[in-house]
Structure formats: C-alpha cells, structure tokens
N, C-alpha and C. Protein backbone atom coordinates (compact mmCIF):
# COMPACT_ATOMS: atom_id res chain seq x y z
N UNK A 1 -24.71 -73.10 -68.10
CA UNK A 1 -25.22 -73.55 -66.87
C UNK A 1 -26.98 -73.92 -67.47
N UNK A 2 -27.49 -75.04 -67.03
CA UNK A 2 -28.91 -75.33 -67.34
C UNK A 2 -29.64 -75.06 -66.69
N UNK A 3 -30.92 -75.34 -66.60
CA UNK A 3 -31.84 -75.05 -65.90
C UNK A 3 -31.92 -75.74 -64.13
N UNK A 4 -31.40 -77.15 -64.36
CA UNK A 4 -31.42 -77.64 -63.14
C UNK A 4 -30.33 -77.33 -62.08
N UNK A 5 -28.98 -76.79 -62.87
CA UNK A 5 -27.81 -76.19 -62.11
C UNK A 5 -28.37 -74.91 -61.60
N UNK A 6 -29.59 -74.35 -62.24
CA UNK A 6 -29.46 -73.16 -61.78
C UNK A 6 -30.64 -73.12 -60.39
N UNK A 7 -31.60 -74.24 -60.83
CA UNK A 7 -32.60 -74.34 -59.66
C UNK A 7 -31.65 -74.74 -58.42
N UNK A 8 -30.59 -75.66 -58.56
CA UNK A 8 -30.05 -76.18 -57.44
C UNK A 8 -29.06 -75.12 -56.64
N UNK A 9 -28.43 -74.03 -57.37
CA UNK A 9 -27.73 -73.35 -56.78
C UNK A 9 -28.91 -72.30 -56.07
N UNK A 10 -30.26 -71.88 -56.79
CA UNK A 10 -30.89 -71.12 -56.17
C UNK A 10 -31.37 -71.82 -54.53
N UNK A 11 -31.76 -73.06 -54.59
CA UNK A 11 -32.05 -73.59 -53.61
C UNK A 11 -30.81 -73.49 -52.38
N UNK A 12 -29.64 -73.79 -52.76
CA UNK A 12 -28.54 -73.59 -51.82
C UNK A 12 -28.39 -72.48 -51.27
N UNK A 13 -28.58 -71.38 -52.35
CA UNK A 13 -28.53 -69.82 -51.82
C UNK A 13 -29.78 -69.52 -50.57
N UNK A 14 -30.97 -69.84 -51.09
CA UNK A 14 -31.76 -69.69 -50.02
C UNK A 14 -31.73 -70.36 -48.84
N UNK A 15 -31.33 -71.58 -48.82
CA UNK A 15 -30.90 -72.52 -47.53
C UNK A 15 -30.02 -71.84 -46.79
N UNK A 16 -28.72 -71.08 -47.27
CA UNK A 16 -27.88 -70.51 -46.67
C UNK A 16 -28.27 -69.27 -46.08
N UNK A 17 -29.00 -68.55 -46.69
CA UNK A 17 -29.52 -67.27 -46.00
C UNK A 17 -30.77 -67.71 -45.30
N UNK A 18 -31.25 -68.61 -45.03
CA UNK A 18 -32.40 -69.12 -43.87
C UNK A 18 -31.21 -69.41 -42.77
N UNK A 19 -30.19 -69.99 -43.02
CA UNK A 19 -29.69 -70.63 -41.94
C UNK A 19 -28.47 -69.21 -41.55
N UNK A 20 -28.39 -68.67 -42.08
CA UNK A 20 -27.69 -67.08 -41.64
C UNK A 20 -28.68 -66.32 -40.33
N UNK A 21 -29.91 -66.18 -41.34
CA UNK A 21 -30.93 -65.87 -40.29
C UNK A 21 -31.05 -66.22 -39.13
N UNK A 22 -31.54 -67.32 -39.19
CA UNK A 22 -31.61 -68.17 -37.91
C UNK A 22 -30.53 -68.18 -37.15
N UNK A 23 -29.24 -68.41 -37.48
CA UNK A 23 -27.95 -68.07 -36.72
C UNK A 23 -27.54 -66.70 -35.90
N UNK A 24 -27.88 -65.74 -36.92
CA UNK A 24 -28.08 -64.37 -36.58
C UNK A 24 -29.14 -63.84 -35.26
N UNK A 25 -30.22 -64.63 -35.48
CA UNK A 25 -31.59 -64.63 -34.68
C UNK A 25 -31.42 -65.18 -33.13
N UNK A 26 -31.04 -64.45 -31.96
CA UNK A 26 -30.60 -65.18 -31.04
C UNK A 26 -31.81 -66.20 -30.40
N UNK A 27 -33.07 -65.55 -31.02
CA UNK A 27 -34.33 -66.18 -30.40
C UNK A 27 -34.79 -67.52 -31.06
N UNK A 28 -33.87 -68.37 -31.64
CA UNK A 28 -33.99 -69.35 -32.18
C UNK A 28 -33.48 -70.49 -31.40
N UNK A 29 -33.96 -71.72 -31.62
CA UNK A 29 -33.48 -72.68 -30.54
C UNK A 29 -32.19 -73.56 -31.47
N UNK A 30 -31.92 -74.63 -30.85
CA UNK A 30 -31.06 -75.53 -31.78
C UNK A 30 -31.77 -76.18 -32.63
N UNK A 31 -33.18 -76.44 -32.63
CA UNK A 31 -34.21 -77.22 -33.59
C UNK A 31 -34.51 -76.38 -34.72
N UNK A 32 -34.37 -74.88 -34.84
CA UNK A 32 -34.75 -74.43 -35.86
C UNK A 32 -35.92 -73.50 -35.65
N UNK A 33 -36.35 -74.03 -34.39
CA UNK A 33 -37.79 -73.07 -33.85
C UNK A 33 -37.57 -71.99 -33.32
N UNK A 34 -38.56 -71.24 -33.37
CA UNK A 34 -38.58 -69.89 -32.92
C UNK A 34 -39.03 -69.95 -31.44
N UNK A 35 -38.28 -69.43 -30.60
CA UNK A 35 -38.17 -69.58 -29.01
C UNK A 35 -38.40 -68.01 -28.76
N UNK A 36 -39.57 -68.34 -27.59
CA UNK A 36 -40.15 -67.01 -26.81
C UNK A 36 -38.71 -66.71 -25.63
N UNK A 37 -37.99 -67.76 -25.47
CA UNK A 37 -37.04 -67.46 -24.44
C UNK A 37 -35.86 -66.83 -24.82
N UNK A 38 -35.19 -66.08 -24.00
CA UNK A 38 -33.98 -65.28 -24.67
C UNK A 38 -33.03 -66.53 -24.51
N UNK A 39 -32.04 -66.53 -25.39
CA UNK A 39 -30.95 -67.57 -25.22
C UNK A 39 -29.69 -67.13 -24.67
N UNK A 40 -29.07 -67.97 -24.19
CA UNK A 40 -27.79 -67.66 -23.18
C UNK A 40 -26.80 -67.33 -24.22
N UNK A 41 -26.78 -68.05 -25.52
CA UNK A 41 -25.80 -67.71 -26.33
C UNK A 41 -25.34 -66.45 -26.57
N UNK A 42 -26.27 -65.71 -26.80
CA UNK A 42 -26.24 -64.04 -26.89
C UNK A 42 -25.45 -63.32 -26.03
N UNK A 43 -25.73 -63.79 -24.89
CA UNK A 43 -25.19 -63.21 -23.61
C UNK A 43 -23.75 -63.50 -23.75
N UNK A 44 -23.41 -65.01 -23.81
CA UNK A 44 -22.09 -65.40 -24.19
C UNK A 44 -21.27 -64.76 -25.29
N UNK A 45 -21.74 -65.02 -26.16
CA UNK A 45 -21.35 -64.58 -27.44
C UNK A 45 -20.67 -62.90 -27.30
N UNK A 46 -21.84 -61.74 -26.84
CA UNK A 46 -21.40 -60.65 -26.53
C UNK A 46 -20.45 -60.63 -25.60
N UNK A 47 -20.49 -61.29 -24.41
CA UNK A 47 -19.24 -61.35 -23.47
C UNK A 47 -17.72 -61.96 -24.01
N UNK A 48 -17.93 -62.63 -24.82
CA UNK A 48 -16.69 -63.29 -25.79
C UNK A 48 -15.87 -62.13 -26.75
N UNK A 49 -16.91 -61.34 -27.36
CA UNK A 49 -16.43 -60.43 -28.03
C UNK A 49 -16.10 -59.30 -27.00
N UNK A 50 -16.75 -58.68 -25.97
CA UNK A 50 -16.21 -57.61 -24.95
C UNK A 50 -14.92 -58.10 -24.26
N UNK A 51 -14.89 -59.43 -23.89
CA UNK A 51 -13.29 -60.20 -23.47
C UNK A 51 -12.31 -60.07 -24.50
N UNK A 52 -12.64 -60.17 -25.70
CA UNK A 52 -11.59 -60.51 -26.83
C UNK A 52 -11.15 -58.84 -26.97
N UNK A 53 -11.92 -58.22 -26.94
CA UNK A 53 -11.60 -56.36 -27.18
C UNK A 53 -10.68 -56.19 -25.88
N UNK A 54 -11.17 -56.39 -25.08
CA UNK A 54 -10.57 -56.07 -23.46
C UNK A 54 -9.33 -56.52 -23.49
N UNK A 55 -8.93 -57.94 -23.69
CA UNK A 55 -8.06 -58.52 -23.68
C UNK A 55 -6.54 -58.30 -24.97
N UNK A 56 -7.35 -58.09 -25.96
CA UNK A 56 -6.64 -57.63 -27.02
C UNK A 56 -6.07 -56.42 -26.93
N UNK A 57 -7.01 -55.26 -26.24
CA UNK A 57 -6.39 -53.94 -25.99
C UNK A 57 -4.91 -53.58 -24.91
N UNK A 58 -5.04 -54.78 -23.90
CA UNK A 58 -4.27 -54.73 -23.08
C UNK A 58 -2.91 -55.66 -23.39
N UNK A 59 -2.87 -56.34 -24.48
CA UNK A 59 -2.10 -57.04 -25.18
C UNK A 59 -0.85 -55.96 -25.57
N UNK A 60 0.49 -56.72 -25.20
CA UNK A 60 1.72 -55.75 -25.70
C UNK A 60 2.39 -56.35 -26.59
N UNK A 61 1.97 -57.71 -27.29
CA UNK A 61 2.52 -58.26 -28.21
C UNK A 61 1.74 -59.15 -28.81
N UNK A 62 1.89 -59.71 -30.14
CA UNK A 62 1.30 -60.43 -30.93
C UNK A 62 0.86 -61.81 -30.47
N UNK A 63 1.60 -62.65 -29.46
CA UNK A 63 1.20 -63.92 -28.71
C UNK A 63 0.42 -63.43 -27.51
N UNK A 64 0.59 -62.00 -27.03
CA UNK A 64 -0.05 -61.79 -25.82
C UNK A 64 -1.85 -61.40 -26.36
N UNK A 65 -1.77 -61.19 -27.43
CA UNK A 65 -3.11 -60.88 -28.46
C UNK A 65 -3.67 -62.46 -28.46
N UNK A 66 -2.68 -63.36 -28.88
CA UNK A 66 -3.30 -64.71 -29.05
C UNK A 66 -3.75 -65.31 -27.86
N UNK A 67 -3.16 -65.03 -26.97
CA UNK A 67 -3.43 -65.56 -25.36
C UNK A 67 -4.85 -64.83 -25.05
N UNK A 68 -4.95 -63.67 -25.28
CA UNK A 68 -6.14 -62.93 -25.35
C UNK A 68 -7.41 -63.36 -25.75
N UNK A 69 -7.14 -63.91 -27.12
CA UNK A 69 -8.13 -64.43 -27.72
C UNK A 69 -8.73 -66.04 -26.87
N UNK A 70 -8.01 -66.26 -26.66
CA UNK A 70 -8.10 -67.74 -25.98
C UNK A 70 -8.85 -67.62 -24.58
N UNK A 71 -8.05 -66.60 -23.49
CA UNK A 71 -9.01 -66.22 -22.62
C UNK A 71 -10.42 -65.63 -22.65
N UNK A 72 -10.48 -64.81 -23.94
CA UNK A 72 -11.70 -64.32 -24.26
C UNK A 72 -12.92 -65.51 -24.17
N UNK A 73 -12.36 -66.81 -24.68
CA UNK A 73 -13.28 -68.11 -25.09
C UNK A 73 -13.67 -68.65 -23.47
N UNK A 74 -12.72 -68.38 -22.46
CA UNK A 74 -12.93 -68.97 -21.40
C UNK A 74 -12.91 -68.27 -20.44
N UNK A 75 -13.40 -66.92 -20.69
CA UNK A 75 -13.72 -66.19 -19.45
C UNK A 75 -14.68 -66.54 -18.06
N UNK A 76 -15.59 -67.14 -18.50
CA UNK A 76 -16.70 -67.42 -17.65
C UNK A 76 -15.90 -68.43 -16.34
N UNK A 77 -14.98 -69.28 -16.99
CA UNK A 77 -14.04 -70.20 -15.90
C UNK A 77 -13.52 -69.07 -14.95
N UNK A 78 -12.88 -68.18 -15.38
CA UNK A 78 -12.10 -67.18 -14.43
C UNK A 78 -13.01 -66.47 -13.52
N UNK A 79 -14.25 -66.25 -14.32
CA UNK A 79 -15.33 -65.44 -13.50
C UNK A 79 -15.88 -66.01 -12.15
N UNK A 80 -16.14 -67.47 -12.54
CA UNK A 80 -16.63 -68.41 -11.51
C UNK A 80 -15.51 -68.31 -10.51
N UNK A 81 -14.05 -68.75 -11.10
CA UNK A 81 -13.07 -68.97 -9.91
C UNK A 81 -12.95 -67.66 -8.99
N UNK A 82 -12.76 -66.25 -9.43
CA UNK A 82 -12.54 -65.63 -8.82
C UNK A 82 -13.81 -65.51 -7.92
N UNK A 83 -14.87 -65.30 -8.30
CA UNK A 83 -16.29 -65.12 -7.82
C UNK A 83 -16.27 -66.31 -6.07
N UNK A 84 -15.76 -67.57 -6.72
CA UNK A 84 -16.04 -68.52 -5.65
C UNK A 84 -14.48 -68.30 -4.53
N UNK A 85 -13.30 -67.74 -5.05
CA UNK A 85 -12.46 -67.33 -4.05
C UNK A 85 -12.98 -66.32 -2.96
N UNK A 86 -13.71 -65.36 -3.60
CA UNK A 86 -14.21 -64.00 -2.89
C UNK A 86 -15.30 -64.49 -1.67
N UNK A 87 -16.17 -65.43 -2.36
CA UNK A 87 -16.90 -65.93 -1.54
C UNK A 87 -16.27 -66.80 -0.21
N UNK A 88 -15.51 -67.55 -0.46
CA UNK A 88 -14.58 -68.33 0.71
C UNK A 88 -13.90 -67.42 1.45
N UNK A 89 -13.36 -66.74 1.13
CA UNK A 89 -12.78 -65.46 2.06
C UNK A 89 -13.58 -64.93 3.42
C-alpha cells in the first residue's frame, strides 16, 4: 500500500468511528449537532429492545419468535390502540 491509500483508509476509519459515536450518543440530533434535549429515539429504541425480549421469551416456535420481533417494532401502535379502547369504555 502506498501513502495515499493509507491516508484514505485512516480517514475512512476515523469517519466511521465518529459516526458510530454519534449514533450511540442519544443526545445528537439528525444534523450531527449535540443537543441538550433528550432524544425520543433512545426511549423508543430501549422499548423495542425490551419488547423484543418479552415477545421472544413468550414465543413457543421459531415463527412465533419472528412475529415477536415484528411486534416489537410496532409496539407503540398496540399501546395507543389499547389505551384508546380503555379510555372509550
């Protein structure tokens, strides 16, 4: 490898590390600026992880586990639906 290839790889690696840090830090907004406001994406992400663990633990077969993962992605819809049913009654 020559020097220009090494420089290019180093730039790519640093950019990947920078983007990974921003992705994992929930206080960054979509434009890459640090935000003082807590992001709802973190709450939703933790909810998805928790729902996936819950639904997969209740699964009795492989396809029930796959369905559990899909349910984990749309759990807020289930929550709002049940909440509105409860409030209407």
